[in-house]
């Protein structure tokens, strides 16, 4: 990968940093989903 991909874009030598970035996306999108999601056992499925 290093032979073809510049080091700043090398995915396999910064797996921890990529995982943290994915976690950040999951947190942000999780809060955004509250716009449409209703945390009620009777309405959760329908809202999803």
ModelCIF file with pLDDT and N, C-alpha, C, O atoms, coordinates in Angstrom:
data_MODEL
#
_entry.id   MODEL 
#
_entity.id                         1 
_entity.type                       polymer 
_entity.pdbx_number_of_molecules   1 
#
_entity_poly.entity_id                      1 
_entity_poly.type                           'polypeptide(L)' 
_entity_poly.nstd_linkage                   no 
_entity_poly.nstd_monomer                   no 
_entity_poly.pdbx_seq_one_letter_code       
;(UNK)(UNK)(UNK)(UNK)(UNK)(UNK)(UNK)(UNK)(UNK)(UNK)(UNK)(UNK)(UNK)(UNK)(UNK)(UNK)
(UNK)(UNK)(UNK)(UNK)(UNK)(UNK)(UNK)(UNK)(UNK)(UNK)(UNK)(UNK)(UNK)(UNK)(UNK)(UNK)
(UNK)(UNK)(UNK)(UNK)(UNK)(UNK)(UNK)(UNK)(UNK)(UNK)(UNK)(UNK)(UNK)(UNK)(UNK)(UNK)
;
_entity_poly.pdbx_seq_one_letter_code_can   XXXXXXXXXXXXXXXXXXXXXXXXXXXXXXXXXXXXXXXXXXXXXXXX 
_entity_poly.pdbx_strand_id                 A 
#
loop_
_entity_poly_seq.entity_id 
_entity_poly_seq.num 
_entity_poly_seq.mon_id 
_entity_poly_seq.hetero 
1 1  UNK n 
1 2  UNK n 
1 3  UNK n 
1 4  UNK n 
1 5  UNK n 
1 6  UNK n 
1 7  UNK n 
1 8  UNK n 
1 9  UNK n 
1 10 UNK n 
1 11 UNK n 
1 12 UNK n 
1 13 UNK n 
1 14 UNK n 
1 15 UNK n 
1 16 UNK n 
1 17 UNK n 
1 18 UNK n 
1 19 UNK n 
1 20 UNK n 
1 21 UNK n 
1 22 UNK n 
1 23 UNK n 
1 24 UNK n 
1 25 UNK n 
1 26 UNK n 
1 27 UNK n 
1 28 UNK n 
1 29 UNK n 
1 30 UNK n 
1 31 UNK n 
1 32 UNK n 
1 33 UNK n 
1 34 UNK n 
1 35 UNK n 
1 36 UNK n 
1 37 UNK n 
1 38 UNK n 
1 39 UNK n 
1 40 UNK n 
1 41 UNK n 
1 42 UNK n 
1 43 UNK n 
1 44 UNK n 
1 45 UNK n 
1 46 UNK n 
1 47 UNK n 
1 48 UNK n 
#
_struct_asym.id          A 
_struct_asym.entity_id   1 
#
loop_
_ma_qa_metric.id 
_ma_qa_metric.mode 
_ma_qa_metric.name 
_ma_qa_metric.software_group_id 
_ma_qa_metric.type 
1 global pLDDT . pLDDT 
2 local  pLDDT . pLDDT 
#
_ma_qa_metric_global.metric_id      1 
_ma_qa_metric_global.metric_value   93.94 
_ma_qa_metric_global.model_id       1 
_ma_qa_metric_global.ordinal_id     1 
#
loop_
_ma_qa_metric_local.label_asym_id 
_ma_qa_metric_local.label_comp_id 
_ma_qa_metric_local.label_seq_id 
_ma_qa_metric_local.metric_id 
_ma_qa_metric_local.metric_value 
_ma_qa_metric_local.model_id 
_ma_qa_metric_local.ordinal_id 
A UNK 1  2 90.00 1 1  
A UNK 2  2 85.00 1 2  
A UNK 3  2 85.00 1 3  
A UNK 4  2 89.00 1 4  
A UNK 5  2 90.00 1 5  
A UNK 6  2 89.00 1 6  
A UNK 7  2 87.00 1 7  
A UNK 8  2 90.00 1 8  
A UNK 9  2 93.00 1 9  
A UNK 10 2 92.00 1 10 
A UNK 11 2 94.00 1 11 
A UNK 12 2 93.00 1 12 
A UNK 13 2 91.00 1 13 
A UNK 14 2 93.00 1 14 
A UNK 15 2 95.00 1 15 
A UNK 16 2 94.00 1 16 
A UNK 17 2 95.00 1 17 
A UNK 18 2 96.00 1 18 
A UNK 19 2 96.00 1 19 
A UNK 20 2 96.00 1 20 
A UNK 21 2 96.00 1 21 
A UNK 22 2 97.00 1 22 
A UNK 23 2 97.00 1 23 
A UNK 24 2 97.00 1 24 
A UNK 25 2 97.00 1 25 
A UNK 26 2 97.00 1 26 
A UNK 27 2 97.00 1 27 
A UNK 28 2 97.00 1 28 
A UNK 29 2 97.00 1 29 
A UNK 30 2 97.00 1 30 
A UNK 31 2 96.00 1 31 
A UNK 32 2 97.00 1 32 
A UNK 33 2 97.00 1 33 
A UNK 34 2 96.00 1 34 
A UNK 35 2 96.00 1 35 
A UNK 36 2 96.00 1 36 
A UNK 37 2 97.00 1 37 
A UNK 38 2 95.00 1 38 
A UNK 39 2 93.00 1 39 
A UNK 40 2 91.00 1 40 
A UNK 41 2 91.00 1 41 
A UNK 42 2 90.00 1 42 
A UNK 43 2 93.00 1 43 
A UNK 44 2 95.00 1 44 
A UNK 45 2 95.00 1 45 
A UNK 46 2 96.00 1 46 
A UNK 47 2 96.00 1 47 
A UNK 48 2 97.00 1 48 
#
loop_
_atom_site.group_PDB 
_atom_site.id 
_atom_site.type_symbol 
_atom_site.label_atom_id 
_atom_site.label_alt_id 
_atom_site.label_comp_id 
_atom_site.label_asym_id 
_atom_site.label_entity_id 
_atom_site.label_seq_id 
_atom_site.pdbx_PDB_ins_code 
_atom_site.Cartn_x 
_atom_site.Cartn_y 
_atom_site.Cartn_z 
_atom_site.occupancy 
_atom_site.B_iso_or_equiv 
_atom_site.pdbx_formal_charge 
_atom_site.auth_seq_id 
_atom_site.auth_comp_id 
_atom_site.auth_asym_id 
_atom_site.auth_atom_id 
_atom_site.pdbx_PDB_model_num 
ATOM 1   N N  . UNK A 1 1  ? 0.830   -1.204 0.000  1.00 90.00 ? 1  UNK A N  1 
ATOM 2   C CA . UNK A 1 1  ? 0.000   0.000  0.000  1.00 90.00 ? 1  UNK A CA 1 
ATOM 3   C C  . UNK A 1 1  ? 0.862   1.251  0.000  1.00 90.00 ? 1  UNK A C  1 
ATOM 4   O O  . UNK A 1 1  ? 0.549   2.228  -0.680 1.00 90.00 ? 1  UNK A O  1 
ATOM 5   N N  . UNK A 1 2  ? 1.951   1.219  0.765  1.00 85.00 ? 2  UNK A N  1 
ATOM 6   C CA . UNK A 1 2  ? 2.838   2.380  0.858  1.00 85.00 ? 2  UNK A CA 1 
ATOM 7   C C  . UNK A 1 2  ? 3.507   2.680  -0.483 1.00 85.00 ? 2  UNK A C  1 
ATOM 8   O O  . UNK A 1 2  ? 3.894   3.816  -0.756 1.00 85.00 ? 2  UNK A O  1 
ATOM 9   N N  . UNK A 1 3  ? 3.634   1.653  -1.305 1.00 85.00 ? 3  UNK A N  1 
ATOM 10  C CA . UNK A 1 3  ? 4.273   1.827  -2.612 1.00 85.00 ? 3  UNK A CA 1 
ATOM 11  C C  . UNK A 1 3  ? 3.414   2.695  -3.535 1.00 85.00 ? 3  UNK A C  1 
ATOM 12  O O  . UNK A 1 3  ? 3.940   3.391  -4.403 1.00 85.00 ? 3  UNK A O  1 
ATOM 13  N N  . UNK A 1 4  ? 2.097   2.652  -3.348 1.00 89.00 ? 4  UNK A N  1 
ATOM 14  C CA . UNK A 1 4  ? 1.190   3.351  -4.262 1.00 89.00 ? 4  UNK A CA 1 
ATOM 15  C C  . UNK A 1 4  ? 0.404   4.486  -3.605 1.00 89.00 ? 4  UNK A C  1 
ATOM 16  O O  . UNK A 1 4  ? -0.023  5.426  -4.276 1.00 89.00 ? 4  UNK A O  1 
ATOM 17  N N  . UNK A 1 5  ? 0.221   4.390  -2.304 1.00 90.00 ? 5  UNK A N  1 
ATOM 18  C CA . UNK A 1 5  ? -0.610  5.379  -1.609 1.00 90.00 ? 5  UNK A CA 1 
ATOM 19  C C  . UNK A 1 5  ? 0.267   6.248  -0.719 1.00 90.00 ? 5  UNK A C  1 
ATOM 20  O O  . UNK A 1 5  ? 1.048   5.711  0.066  1.00 90.00 ? 5  UNK A O  1 
ATOM 21  N N  . UNK A 1 6  ? 0.167   7.568  -0.812 1.00 89.00 ? 6  UNK A N  1 
ATOM 22  C CA . UNK A 1 6  ? 0.958   8.440  0.070  1.00 89.00 ? 6  UNK A CA 1 
ATOM 23  C C  . UNK A 1 6  ? 0.648   8.147  1.537  1.00 89.00 ? 6  UNK A C  1 
ATOM 24  O O  . UNK A 1 6  ? -0.467  7.756  1.882  1.00 89.00 ? 6  UNK A O  1 
ATOM 25  N N  . UNK A 1 7  ? 1.637   8.340  2.381  1.00 87.00 ? 7  UNK A N  1 
ATOM 26  C CA . UNK A 1 7  ? 1.497   7.980  3.796  1.00 87.00 ? 7  UNK A CA 1 
ATOM 27  C C  . UNK A 1 7  ? 0.320   8.651  4.489  1.00 87.00 ? 7  UNK A C  1 
ATOM 28  O O  . UNK A 1 7  ? -0.329  8.003  5.310  1.00 87.00 ? 7  UNK A O  1 
ATOM 29  N N  . UNK A 1 8  ? 0.000   9.936  4.200  1.00 90.00 ? 8  UNK A N  1 
ATOM 30  C CA . UNK A 1 8  ? -1.155  10.556 4.884  1.00 90.00 ? 8  UNK A CA 1 
ATOM 31  C C  . UNK A 1 8  ? -2.486  9.888  4.562  1.00 90.00 ? 8  UNK A C  1 
ATOM 32  O O  . UNK A 1 8  ? -3.467  10.089 5.277  1.00 90.00 ? 8  UNK A O  1 
ATOM 33  N N  . UNK A 1 9  ? -2.530  9.079  3.473  1.00 93.00 ? 9  UNK A N  1 
ATOM 34  C CA . UNK A 1 9  ? -3.773  8.417  3.081  1.00 93.00 ? 9  UNK A CA 1 
ATOM 35  C C  . UNK A 1 9  ? -3.678  6.893  3.218  1.00 93.00 ? 9  UNK A C  1 
ATOM 36  O O  . UNK A 1 9  ? -4.542  6.161  2.735  1.00 93.00 ? 9  UNK A O  1 
ATOM 37  N N  . UNK A 1 10 ? -2.633  6.439  3.871  1.00 92.00 ? 10 UNK A N  1 
ATOM 38  C CA . UNK A 1 10 ? -2.418  4.996  4.037  1.00 92.00 ? 10 UNK A CA 1 
ATOM 39  C C  . UNK A 1 10 ? -3.370  4.479  5.114  1.00 92.00 ? 10 UNK A C  1 
ATOM 40  O O  . UNK A 1 10 ? -3.224  4.852  6.278  1.00 92.00 ? 10 UNK A O  1 
ATOM 41  N N  . UNK A 1 11 ? -4.351  3.622  4.760  1.00 94.00 ? 11 UNK A N  1 
ATOM 42  C CA . UNK A 1 11 ? -5.360  3.221  5.756  1.00 94.00 ? 11 UNK A CA 1 
ATOM 43  C C  . UNK A 1 11 ? -4.856  2.217  6.781  1.00 94.00 ? 11 UNK A C  1 
ATOM 44  O O  . UNK A 1 11 ? -5.395  2.151  7.885  1.00 94.00 ? 11 UNK A O  1 
ATOM 45  N N  . UNK A 1 12 ? -3.824  1.423  6.441  1.00 93.00 ? 12 UNK A N  1 
ATOM 46  C CA . UNK A 1 12 ? -3.444  0.310  7.305  1.00 93.00 ? 12 UNK A CA 1 
ATOM 47  C C  . UNK A 1 12 ? -2.406  0.684  8.362  1.00 93.00 ? 12 UNK A C  1 
ATOM 48  O O  . UNK A 1 12 ? -2.096  -0.127 9.236  1.00 93.00 ? 12 UNK A O  1 
ATOM 49  N N  . UNK A 1 13 ? -1.870  1.897  8.293  1.00 91.00 ? 13 UNK A N  1 
ATOM 50  C CA . UNK A 1 13 ? -0.927  2.322  9.329  1.00 91.00 ? 13 UNK A CA 1 
ATOM 51  C C  . UNK A 1 13 ? -1.560  3.348  10.269 1.00 91.00 ? 13 UNK A C  1 
ATOM 52  O O  . UNK A 1 13 ? -0.893  3.871  11.162 1.00 91.00 ? 13 UNK A O  1 
ATOM 53  N N  . UNK A 1 14 ? -2.834  3.632  10.067 1.00 93.00 ? 14 UNK A N  1 
ATOM 54  C CA . UNK A 1 14 ? -3.550  4.542  10.965 1.00 93.00 ? 14 UNK A CA 1 
ATOM 55  C C  . UNK A 1 14 ? -4.953  4.013  11.253 1.00 93.00 ? 14 UNK A C  1 
ATOM 56  O O  . UNK A 1 14 ? -5.937  4.752  11.234 1.00 93.00 ? 14 UNK A O  1 
ATOM 57  N N  . UNK A 1 15 ? -5.008  2.713  11.518 1.00 95.00 ? 15 UNK A N  1 
ATOM 58  C CA . UNK A 1 15 ? -6.295  2.072  11.773 1.00 95.00 ? 15 UNK A CA 1 
ATOM 59  C C  . UNK A 1 15 ? -6.958  2.620  13.034 1.00 95.00 ? 15 UNK A C  1 
ATOM 60  O O  . UNK A 1 15 ? -8.180  2.766  13.082 1.00 95.00 ? 15 UNK A O  1 
ATOM 61  N N  . UNK A 1 16 ? -6.154  2.926  14.058 1.00 94.00 ? 16 UNK A N  1 
ATOM 62  C CA . UNK A 1 16 ? -6.729  3.481  15.279 1.00 94.00 ? 16 UNK A CA 1 
ATOM 63  C C  . UNK A 1 16 ? -7.365  4.836  15.038 1.00 94.00 ? 16 UNK A C  1 
ATOM 64  O O  . UNK A 1 16 ? -8.459  5.106  15.533 1.00 94.00 ? 16 UNK A O  1 
ATOM 65  N N  . UNK A 1 17 ? -6.689  5.694  14.282 1.00 95.00 ? 17 UNK A N  1 
ATOM 66  C CA . UNK A 1 17 ? -7.229  7.021  13.988 1.00 95.00 ? 17 UNK A CA 1 
ATOM 67  C C  . UNK A 1 17 ? -8.492  6.920  13.139 1.00 95.00 ? 17 UNK A C  1 
ATOM 68  O O  . UNK A 1 17 ? -9.443  7.675  13.345 1.00 95.00 ? 17 UNK A O  1 
ATOM 69  N N  . UNK A 1 18 ? -8.504  5.986  12.182 1.00 96.00 ? 18 UNK A N  1 
ATOM 70  C CA . UNK A 1 18 ? -9.704  5.795  11.354 1.00 96.00 ? 18 UNK A CA 1 
ATOM 71  C C  . UNK A 1 18 ? -10.859 5.315  12.218 1.00 96.00 ? 18 UNK A C  1 
ATOM 72  O O  . UNK A 1 18 ? -11.988 5.781  12.059 1.00 96.00 ? 18 UNK A O  1 
ATOM 73  N N  . UNK A 1 19 ? -10.590 4.389  13.129 1.00 96.00 ? 19 UNK A N  1 
ATOM 74  C CA . UNK A 1 19 ? -11.649 3.887  14.015 1.00 96.00 ? 19 UNK A CA 1 
ATOM 75  C C  . UNK A 1 19 ? -12.231 5.022  14.856 1.00 96.00 ? 19 UNK A C  1 
ATOM 76  O O  . UNK A 1 19 ? -13.447 5.097  15.037 1.00 96.00 ? 19 UNK A O  1 
ATOM 77  N N  . UNK A 1 20 ? -11.383 5.895  15.365 1.00 96.00 ? 20 UNK A N  1 
ATOM 78  C CA . UNK A 1 20 ? -11.875 7.033  16.156 1.00 96.00 ? 20 UNK A CA 1 
ATOM 79  C C  . UNK A 1 20 ? -12.727 7.970  15.313 1.00 96.00 ? 20 UNK A C  1 
ATOM 80  O O  . UNK A 1 20 ? -13.731 8.503  15.785 1.00 96.00 ? 20 UNK A O  1 
ATOM 81  N N  . UNK A 1 21 ? -12.322 8.169  14.065 1.00 96.00 ? 21 UNK A N  1 
ATOM 82  C CA . UNK A 1 21 ? -13.114 9.028  13.178 1.00 96.00 ? 21 UNK A CA 1 
ATOM 83  C C  . UNK A 1 21 ? -14.473 8.395  12.897 1.00 96.00 ? 21 UNK A C  1 
ATOM 84  O O  . UNK A 1 21 ? -15.487 9.090  12.856 1.00 96.00 ? 21 UNK A O  1 
ATOM 85  N N  . UNK A 1 22 ? -14.494 7.077  12.704 1.00 97.00 ? 22 UNK A N  1 
ATOM 86  C CA . UNK A 1 22 ? -15.765 6.387  12.485 1.00 97.00 ? 22 UNK A CA 1 
ATOM 87  C C  . UNK A 1 22 ? -16.663 6.494  13.718 1.00 97.00 ? 22 UNK A C  1 
ATOM 88  O O  . UNK A 1 22 ? -17.879 6.646  13.601 1.00 97.00 ? 22 UNK A O  1 
ATOM 89  N N  . UNK A 1 23 ? -16.056 6.414  14.888 1.00 97.00 ? 23 UNK A N  1 
ATOM 90  C CA . UNK A 1 23 ? -16.815 6.573  16.125 1.00 97.00 ? 23 UNK A CA 1 
ATOM 91  C C  . UNK A 1 23 ? -17.436 7.968  16.188 1.00 97.00 ? 23 UNK A C  1 
ATOM 92  O O  . UNK A 1 23 ? -18.591 8.118  16.585 1.00 97.00 ? 23 UNK A O  1 
ATOM 93  N N  . UNK A 1 24 ? -16.671 8.986  15.798 1.00 97.00 ? 24 UNK A N  1 
ATOM 94  C CA . UNK A 1 24 ? -17.185 10.355 15.816 1.00 97.00 ? 24 UNK A CA 1 
ATOM 95  C C  . UNK A 1 24 ? -18.372 10.499 14.865 1.00 97.00 ? 24 UNK A C  1 
ATOM 96  O O  . UNK A 1 24 ? -19.359 11.157 15.195 1.00 97.00 ? 24 UNK A O  1 
ATOM 97  N N  . UNK A 1 25 ? -18.276 9.884  13.683 1.00 97.00 ? 25 UNK A N  1 
ATOM 98  C CA . UNK A 1 25 ? -19.394 9.938  12.735 1.00 97.00 ? 25 UNK A CA 1 
ATOM 99  C C  . UNK A 1 25 ? -20.619 9.253  13.321 1.00 97.00 ? 25 UNK A C  1 
ATOM 100 O O  . UNK A 1 25 ? -21.736 9.756  13.195 1.00 97.00 ? 25 UNK A O  1 
ATOM 101 N N  . UNK A 1 26 ? -20.412 8.104  13.964 1.00 97.00 ? 26 UNK A N  1 
ATOM 102 C CA . UNK A 1 26 ? -21.535 7.369  14.550 1.00 97.00 ? 26 UNK A CA 1 
ATOM 103 C C  . UNK A 1 26 ? -22.218 8.194  15.636 1.00 97.00 ? 26 UNK A C  1 
ATOM 104 O O  . UNK A 1 26 ? -23.445 8.183  15.739 1.00 97.00 ? 26 UNK A O  1 
ATOM 105 N N  . UNK A 1 27 ? -21.439 8.907  16.444 1.00 97.00 ? 27 UNK A N  1 
ATOM 106 C CA . UNK A 1 27 ? -22.025 9.727  17.504 1.00 97.00 ? 27 UNK A CA 1 
ATOM 107 C C  . UNK A 1 27 ? -22.840 10.874 16.914 1.00 97.00 ? 27 UNK A C  1 
ATOM 108 O O  . UNK A 1 27 ? -23.966 11.124 17.343 1.00 97.00 ? 27 UNK A O  1 
ATOM 109 N N  . UNK A 1 28 ? -22.275 11.567 15.937 1.00 97.00 ? 28 UNK A N  1 
ATOM 110 C CA . UNK A 1 28 ? -22.967 12.713 15.337 1.00 97.00 ? 28 UNK A CA 1 
ATOM 111 C C  . UNK A 1 28 ? -24.249 12.262 14.644 1.00 97.00 ? 28 UNK A C  1 
ATOM 112 O O  . UNK A 1 28 ? -25.305 12.863 14.838 1.00 97.00 ? 28 UNK A O  1 
ATOM 113 N N  . UNK A 1 29 ? -24.161 11.210 13.841 1.00 97.00 ? 29 UNK A N  1 
ATOM 114 C CA . UNK A 1 29 ? -25.354 10.730 13.134 1.00 97.00 ? 29 UNK A CA 1 
ATOM 115 C C  . UNK A 1 29 ? -26.376 10.150 14.111 1.00 97.00 ? 29 UNK A C  1 
ATOM 116 O O  . UNK A 1 29 ? -27.580 10.224 13.862 1.00 97.00 ? 29 UNK A O  1 
ATOM 117 N N  . UNK A 1 30 ? -25.905 9.573  15.219 1.00 97.00 ? 30 UNK A N  1 
ATOM 118 C CA . UNK A 1 30 ? -26.843 9.060  16.215 1.00 97.00 ? 30 UNK A CA 1 
ATOM 119 C C  . UNK A 1 30 ? -27.699 10.167 16.806 1.00 97.00 ? 30 UNK A C  1 
ATOM 120 O O  . UNK A 1 30 ? -28.910 10.009 16.962 1.00 97.00 ? 30 UNK A O  1 
ATOM 121 N N  . UNK A 1 31 ? -27.063 11.297 17.137 1.00 96.00 ? 31 UNK A N  1 
ATOM 122 C CA . UNK A 1 31 ? -27.844 12.424 17.644 1.00 96.00 ? 31 UNK A CA 1 
ATOM 123 C C  . UNK A 1 31 ? -28.781 12.976 16.564 1.00 96.00 ? 31 UNK A C  1 
ATOM 124 O O  . UNK A 1 31 ? -29.908 13.372 16.858 1.00 96.00 ? 31 UNK A O  1 
ATOM 125 N N  . UNK A 1 32 ? -28.312 12.999 15.324 1.00 97.00 ? 32 UNK A N  1 
ATOM 126 C CA . UNK A 1 32 ? -29.153 13.505 14.235 1.00 97.00 ? 32 UNK A CA 1 
ATOM 127 C C  . UNK A 1 32 ? -30.392 12.638 14.034 1.00 97.00 ? 32 UNK A C  1 
ATOM 128 O O  . UNK A 1 32 ? -31.447 13.153 13.663 1.00 97.00 ? 32 UNK A O  1 
ATOM 129 N N  . UNK A 1 33 ? -30.286 11.338 14.272 1.00 97.00 ? 33 UNK A N  1 
ATOM 130 C CA . UNK A 1 33 ? -31.428 10.433 14.079 1.00 97.00 ? 33 UNK A CA 1 
ATOM 131 C C  . UNK A 1 33 ? -32.565 10.719 15.052 1.00 97.00 ? 33 UNK A C  1 
ATOM 132 O O  . UNK A 1 33 ? -33.704 10.325 14.802 1.00 97.00 ? 33 UNK A O  1 
ATOM 133 N N  . UNK A 1 34 ? -32.272 11.401 16.159 1.00 96.00 ? 34 UNK A N  1 
ATOM 134 C CA . UNK A 1 34 ? -33.322 11.721 17.122 1.00 96.00 ? 34 UNK A CA 1 
ATOM 135 C C  . UNK A 1 34 ? -34.370 12.662 16.536 1.00 96.00 ? 34 UNK A C  1 
ATOM 136 O O  . UNK A 1 34 ? -35.451 12.819 17.103 1.00 96.00 ? 34 UNK A O  1 
ATOM 137 N N  . UNK A 1 35 ? -34.055 13.286 15.407 1.00 96.00 ? 35 UNK A N  1 
ATOM 138 C CA . UNK A 1 35 ? -35.042 14.138 14.731 1.00 96.00 ? 35 UNK A CA 1 
ATOM 139 C C  . UNK A 1 35 ? -36.230 13.303 14.278 1.00 96.00 ? 35 UNK A C  1 
ATOM 140 O O  . UNK A 1 35 ? -37.366 13.779 14.289 1.00 96.00 ? 35 UNK A O  1 
ATOM 141 N N  . UNK A 1 36 ? -35.975 12.058 13.878 1.00 96.00 ? 36 UNK A N  1 
ATOM 142 C CA . UNK A 1 36 ? -37.040 11.207 13.344 1.00 96.00 ? 36 UNK A CA 1 
ATOM 143 C C  . UNK A 1 36 ? -37.409 10.036 14.262 1.00 96.00 ? 36 UNK A C  1 
ATOM 144 O O  . UNK A 1 36 ? -38.510 9.495  14.163 1.00 96.00 ? 36 UNK A O  1 
ATOM 145 N N  . UNK A 1 37 ? -36.502 9.649  15.144 1.00 97.00 ? 37 UNK A N  1 
ATOM 146 C CA . UNK A 1 37 ? -36.721 8.431  15.936 1.00 97.00 ? 37 UNK A CA 1 
ATOM 147 C C  . UNK A 1 37 ? -37.504 8.729  17.208 1.00 97.00 ? 37 UNK A C  1 
ATOM 148 O O  . UNK A 1 37 ? -37.272 9.741  17.869 1.00 97.00 ? 37 UNK A O  1 
ATOM 149 N N  . UNK A 1 38 ? -38.437 7.835  17.544 1.00 95.00 ? 38 UNK A N  1 
ATOM 150 C CA . UNK A 1 38 ? -39.211 7.933  18.777 1.00 95.00 ? 38 UNK A CA 1 
ATOM 151 C C  . UNK A 1 38 ? -38.862 6.740  19.665 1.00 95.00 ? 38 UNK A C  1 
ATOM 152 O O  . UNK A 1 38 ? -39.164 5.604  19.299 1.00 95.00 ? 38 UNK A O  1 
ATOM 153 N N  . UNK A 1 39 ? -38.233 6.965  20.821 1.00 93.00 ? 39 UNK A N  1 
ATOM 154 C CA . UNK A 1 39 ? -37.790 5.853  21.668 1.00 93.00 ? 39 UNK A CA 1 
ATOM 155 C C  . UNK A 1 39 ? -38.923 5.248  22.493 1.00 93.00 ? 39 UNK A C  1 
ATOM 156 O O  . UNK A 1 39 ? -38.848 5.188  23.720 1.00 93.00 ? 39 UNK A O  1 
ATOM 157 N N  . UNK A 1 40 ? -39.953 4.811  21.817 1.00 91.00 ? 40 UNK A N  1 
ATOM 158 C CA . UNK A 1 40 ? -41.074 4.131  22.464 1.00 91.00 ? 40 UNK A CA 1 
ATOM 159 C C  . UNK A 1 40 ? -41.193 2.741  21.865 1.00 91.00 ? 40 UNK A C  1 
ATOM 160 O O  . UNK A 1 40 ? -41.081 2.572  20.651 1.00 91.00 ? 40 UNK A O  1 
ATOM 161 N N  . UNK A 1 41 ? -41.418 1.754  22.706 1.00 91.00 ? 41 UNK A N  1 
ATOM 162 C CA . UNK A 1 41 ? -41.509 0.388  22.212 1.00 91.00 ? 41 UNK A CA 1 
ATOM 163 C C  . UNK A 1 41 ? -42.663 0.227  21.226 1.00 91.00 ? 41 UNK A C  1 
ATOM 164 O O  . UNK A 1 41 ? -42.639 -0.666 20.378 1.00 91.00 ? 41 UNK A O  1 
ATOM 165 N N  . UNK A 1 42 ? -43.660 1.082  21.335 1.00 90.00 ? 42 UNK A N  1 
ATOM 166 C CA . UNK A 1 42 ? -44.822 0.978  20.464 1.00 90.00 ? 42 UNK A CA 1 
ATOM 167 C C  . UNK A 1 42 ? -44.640 1.738  19.148 1.00 90.00 ? 42 UNK A C  1 
ATOM 168 O O  . UNK A 1 42 ? -45.354 1.468  18.182 1.00 90.00 ? 42 UNK A O  1 
ATOM 169 N N  . UNK A 1 43 ? -43.700 2.682  19.094 1.00 93.00 ? 43 UNK A N  1 
ATOM 170 C CA . UNK A 1 43 ? -43.535 3.500  17.894 1.00 93.00 ? 43 UNK A CA 1 
ATOM 171 C C  . UNK A 1 43 ? -42.140 3.422  17.279 1.00 93.00 ? 43 UNK A C  1 
ATOM 172 O O  . UNK A 1 43 ? -41.918 3.949  16.189 1.00 93.00 ? 43 UNK A O  1 
ATOM 173 N N  . UNK A 1 44 ? -41.200 2.775  17.962 1.00 95.00 ? 44 UNK A N  1 
ATOM 174 C CA . UNK A 1 44 ? -39.822 2.744  17.482 1.00 95.00 ? 44 UNK A CA 1 
ATOM 175 C C  . UNK A 1 44 ? -39.733 2.136  16.080 1.00 95.00 ? 44 UNK A C  1 
ATOM 176 O O  . UNK A 1 44 ? -39.107 2.714  15.191 1.00 95.00 ? 44 UNK A O  1 
ATOM 177 N N  . UNK A 1 45 ? -40.351 0.986  15.884 1.00 95.00 ? 45 UNK A N  1 
ATOM 178 C CA . UNK A 1 45 ? -40.239 0.310  14.586 1.00 95.00 ? 45 UNK A CA 1 
ATOM 179 C C  . UNK A 1 45 ? -40.818 1.166  13.469 1.00 95.00 ? 45 UNK A C  1 
ATOM 180 O O  . UNK A 1 45 ? -40.214 1.286  12.403 1.00 95.00 ? 45 UNK A O  1 
ATOM 181 N N  . UNK A 1 46 ? -41.978 1.758  13.703 1.00 96.00 ? 46 UNK A N  1 
ATOM 182 C CA . UNK A 1 46 ? -42.614 2.555  12.653 1.00 96.00 ? 46 UNK A CA 1 
ATOM 183 C C  . UNK A 1 46 ? -41.771 3.764  12.286 1.00 96.00 ? 46 UNK A C  1 
ATOM 184 O O  . UNK A 1 46 ? -41.684 4.120  11.110 1.00 96.00 ? 46 UNK A O  1 
ATOM 185 N N  . UNK A 1 47 ? -41.141 4.410  13.282 1.00 96.00 ? 47 UNK A N  1 
ATOM 186 C CA . UNK A 1 47 ? -40.336 5.594  12.963 1.00 96.00 ? 47 UNK A CA 1 
ATOM 187 C C  . UNK A 1 47 ? -39.078 5.216  12.189 1.00 96.00 ? 47 UNK A C  1 
ATOM 188 O O  . UNK A 1 47 ? -38.632 5.973  11.326 1.00 96.00 ? 47 UNK A O  1 
ATOM 189 N N  . UNK A 1 48 ? -38.496 4.040  12.493 1.00 97.00 ? 48 UNK A N  1 
ATOM 190 C CA . UNK A 1 48 ? -37.313 3.606  11.742 1.00 97.00 ? 48 UNK A CA 1 
ATOM 191 C C  . UNK A 1 48 ? -37.703 3.204  10.323 1.00 97.00 ? 48 UNK A C  1 
ATOM 192 O O  . UNK A 1 48 ? -36.843 2.810  9.535  1.00 97.00 ? 48 UNK A O  1 
#
